[in-house]
């Protein structure tokens, strides 16, 4: 899994592929608050090999080409210090399903 280091009071995000099959996969991203509580989060990543998200849950996911942005939904944005939540998605891929680097920004 790919993890970003937490800024003070920020958040980290860890991306994993939970399951994979020919032409598709299930991804999961775990968001963890840093040393202070947060009221919301935004996770960003860019797919390098043409992957795409077709369905998501526990986050509002949008994209511009291969660049994706996931934002918390009403019920999982507030996290106490060190607390975690996760969101998932179904995606498609062709050729290589490489793991992207993810960033997390707290609000």
C-alpha atoms as a PDB file:
ATOM      1  CA  UNK A   1       0.000   0.000   0.000  1.00  0.00           C
ATOM      2  CA  UNK A   2       0.997   3.602  -0.626  1.00  0.00           C
ATOM      3  CA  UNK A   3       0.792   6.004   2.345  1.00  0.00           C
ATOM      4  CA  UNK A   4       1.469   9.721   2.617  1.00  0.00           C
ATOM      5  CA  UNK A   5       3.130  11.067   5.774  1.00  0.00           C
ATOM      6  CA  UNK A   6       0.737  13.032   8.015  1.00  0.00           C
ATOM      7  CA  UNK A   7       1.206  16.753   8.333  1.00  0.00           C
ATOM      8  CA  UNK A   8       0.551  18.097  11.825  1.00  0.00           C
ATOM      9  CA  UNK A   9      -3.212  17.968  12.299  1.00  0.00           C
ATOM     10  CA  UNK A  10      -3.662  16.629   8.792  1.00  0.00           C
ATOM     11  CA  UNK A  11      -4.489  13.184   7.513  1.00  0.00           C
ATOM     12  CA  UNK A  12      -2.953  10.225   5.726  1.00  0.00           C
ATOM     13  CA  UNK A  13      -4.425   8.022   3.029  1.00  0.00           C
ATOM     14  CA  UNK A  14      -3.548   4.418   2.243  1.00  0.00           C
ATOM     15  CA  UNK A  15      -4.609   2.893  -1.088  1.00  0.00           C
ATOM     16  CA  UNK A  16      -5.013  -0.862  -1.488  1.00  0.00           C
ATOM     17  CA  UNK A  17      -6.484  -3.166  -4.113  1.00  0.00           C
ATOM     18  CA  UNK A  18      -8.921  -5.348  -2.184  1.00  0.00           C
ATOM     19  CA  UNK A  19      -9.752  -7.624  -5.111  1.00  0.00           C
ATOM     20  CA  UNK A  20      -8.868  -7.898  -8.783  1.00  0.00           C
ATOM     21  CA  UNK A  21     -10.257  -9.781 -11.780  1.00  0.00           C
ATOM     22  CA  UNK A  22      -9.813  -9.631 -15.536  1.00  0.00           C
ATOM     23  CA  UNK A  23     -10.518  -6.034 -16.519  1.00  0.00           C
ATOM     24  CA  UNK A  24     -11.744  -4.894 -13.094  1.00  0.00           C
ATOM     25  CA  UNK A  25     -10.807  -4.353  -9.495  1.00  0.00           C
ATOM     26  CA  UNK A  26     -12.058  -3.179  -6.112  1.00  0.00           C
ATOM     27  CA  UNK A  27     -10.013  -0.441  -4.489  1.00  0.00           C
ATOM     28  CA  UNK A  28     -10.082   0.763  -0.909  1.00  0.00           C
ATOM     29  CA  UNK A  29      -8.629   3.902   0.628  1.00  0.00           C
ATOM     30  CA  UNK A  30      -8.204   4.281   4.385  1.00  0.00           C
ATOM     31  CA  UNK A  31      -8.135   7.866   5.671  1.00  0.00           C
ATOM     32  CA  UNK A  32      -6.583   8.477   9.102  1.00  0.00           C
ATOM     33  CA  UNK A  33      -6.570  11.780  10.990  1.00  0.00           C
ATOM     34  CA  UNK A  34      -3.225  13.003  12.289  1.00  0.00           C
ATOM     35  CA  UNK A  35      -2.449  14.439  15.720  1.00  0.00           C
ATOM     36  CA  UNK A  36      -5.600  16.596  15.797  1.00  0.00           C
ATOM     37  CA  UNK A  37      -9.254  16.061  14.961  1.00  0.00           C
ATOM     38  CA  UNK A  38     -10.416  16.984  11.457  1.00  0.00           C
ATOM     39  CA  UNK A  39     -13.817  18.024  10.106  1.00  0.00           C
ATOM     40  CA  UNK A  40     -13.377  16.798   6.547  1.00  0.00           C
ATOM     41  CA  UNK A  41     -10.916  15.280   4.102  1.00  0.00           C
ATOM     42  CA  UNK A  42     -10.021  15.177   0.421  1.00  0.00           C
ATOM     43  CA  UNK A  43      -7.972  12.400  -1.175  1.00  0.00           C
ATOM     44  CA  UNK A  44      -6.351  12.794  -4.597  1.00  0.00           C
ATOM     45  CA  UNK A  45      -4.601  10.352  -6.914  1.00  0.00           C
ATOM     46  CA  UNK A  46      -3.778   9.909 -10.595  1.00  0.00           C
ATOM     47  CA  UNK A  47      -3.979   6.591 -12.391  1.00  0.00           C
ATOM     48  CA  UNK A  48      -0.959   5.970 -14.628  1.00  0.00           C
ATOM     49  CA  UNK A  49      -2.249   3.096 -16.743  1.00  0.00           C
ATOM     50  CA  UNK A  50      -5.732   4.080 -17.922  1.00  0.00           C
ATOM     51  CA  UNK A  51      -7.660   2.730 -14.941  1.00  0.00           C
ATOM     52  CA  UNK A  52     -11.019   4.305 -14.173  1.00  0.00           C
ATOM     53  CA  UNK A  53     -13.535   4.341 -11.323  1.00  0.00           C
ATOM     54  CA  UNK A  54     -17.012   3.141 -12.271  1.00  0.00           C
ATOM     55  CA  UNK A  55     -18.743   3.092  -8.857  1.00  0.00           C
ATOM     56  CA  UNK A  56     -17.813   4.401  -5.377  1.00  0.00           C
ATOM     57  CA  UNK A  57     -19.177   4.301  -1.836  1.00  0.00           C
ATOM     58  CA  UNK A  58     -18.506   6.262   1.380  1.00  0.00           C
ATOM     59  CA  UNK A  59     -17.029   9.154  -0.642  1.00  0.00           C
ATOM     60  CA  UNK A  60     -17.959  11.554  -3.393  1.00  0.00           C
ATOM     61  CA  UNK A  61     -15.556  10.708  -6.234  1.00  0.00           C
ATOM     62  CA  UNK A  62     -14.952  12.841  -9.321  1.00  0.00           C
ATOM     63  CA  UNK A  63     -12.305  12.917 -12.003  1.00  0.00           C
ATOM     64  CA  UNK A  64     -10.693  14.982 -14.700  1.00  0.00           C
ATOM     65  CA  UNK A  65      -9.142  12.483 -17.067  1.00  0.00           C
ATOM     66  CA  UNK A  66      -6.914  10.179 -15.020  1.00  0.00           C
ATOM     67  CA  UNK A  67      -6.796  12.541 -11.989  1.00  0.00           C
ATOM     68  CA  UNK A  68      -9.292  11.564  -9.261  1.00  0.00           C
ATOM     69  CA  UNK A  69     -10.590  13.435  -6.224  1.00  0.00           C
ATOM     70  CA  UNK A  70     -12.549  11.820  -3.382  1.00  0.00           C
ATOM     71  CA  UNK A  71     -14.243  13.919  -0.702  1.00  0.00           C
ATOM     72  CA  UNK A  72     -15.868  12.788   2.501  1.00  0.00           C
ATOM     73  CA  UNK A  73     -19.633  12.450   2.692  1.00  0.00           C
ATOM     74  CA  UNK A  74     -21.746  13.859   5.542  1.00  0.00           C
ATOM     75  CA  UNK A  75     -21.344  10.917   7.893  1.00  0.00           C
ATOM     76  CA  UNK A  76     -17.582  10.245   7.689  1.00  0.00           C
ATOM     77  CA  UNK A  77     -15.811  13.615   7.511  1.00  0.00           C
ATOM     78  CA  UNK A  78     -15.353  14.269  11.217  1.00  0.00           C
ATOM     79  CA  UNK A  79     -12.527  12.195  12.634  1.00  0.00           C
ATOM     80  CA  UNK A  80     -10.949  12.429  16.064  1.00  0.00           C
ATOM     81  CA  UNK A  81      -7.159  12.496  16.365  1.00  0.00           C
ATOM     82  CA  UNK A  82      -5.826   9.162  15.089  1.00  0.00           C
ATOM     83  CA  UNK A  83      -9.282   7.923  14.015  1.00  0.00           C
ATOM     84  CA  UNK A  84      -9.865   6.316  10.621  1.00  0.00           C
ATOM     85  CA  UNK A  85     -12.553   5.801   8.012  1.00  0.00           C
ATOM     86  CA  UNK A  86     -12.450   4.246   4.579  1.00  0.00           C
ATOM     87  CA  UNK A  87     -14.102   4.420   1.193  1.00  0.00           C
ATOM     88  CA  UNK A  88     -14.151   1.993  -1.676  1.00  0.00           C
ATOM     89  CA  UNK A  89     -14.734   1.805  -5.378  1.00  0.00           C
ATOM     90  CA  UNK A  90     -15.029  -0.520  -8.336  1.00  0.00           C
ATOM     91  CA  UNK A  91     -12.711   0.247 -11.213  1.00  0.00           C
ATOM     92  CA  UNK A  92     -11.682  -1.020 -14.599  1.00  0.00           C
ATOM     93  CA  UNK A  93      -8.209  -1.558 -15.986  1.00  0.00           C
ATOM     94  CA  UNK A  94      -6.388  -2.871 -19.048  1.00  0.00           C
ATOM     95  CA  UNK A  95      -2.827  -4.124 -19.142  1.00  0.00           C
ATOM     96  CA  UNK A  96      -1.369  -2.977 -15.816  1.00  0.00           C
ATOM     97  CA  UNK A  97      -3.190  -2.013 -12.625  1.00  0.00           C
ATOM     98  CA  UNK A  98      -0.391  -0.136 -10.872  1.00  0.00           C
ATOM     99  CA  UNK A  99      -0.933   1.423  -7.436  1.00  0.00           C
ATOM    100  CA  UNK A 100      -1.072   5.238  -7.556  1.00  0.00           C
ATOM    101  CA  UNK A 101       0.421   7.583  -4.976  1.00  0.00           C
ATOM    102  CA  UNK A 102      -2.326   9.213  -2.882  1.00  0.00           C
ATOM    103  CA  UNK A 103      -2.446  12.486  -0.973  1.00  0.00           C
ATOM    104  CA  UNK A 104      -4.803  13.487   1.809  1.00  0.00           C
ATOM    105  CA  UNK A 105      -5.769  17.026   2.759  1.00  0.00           C
ATOM    106  CA  UNK A 106      -7.732  17.696   5.953  1.00  0.00           C
ATOM    107  CA  UNK A 107     -10.211  20.494   6.495  1.00  0.00           C
END
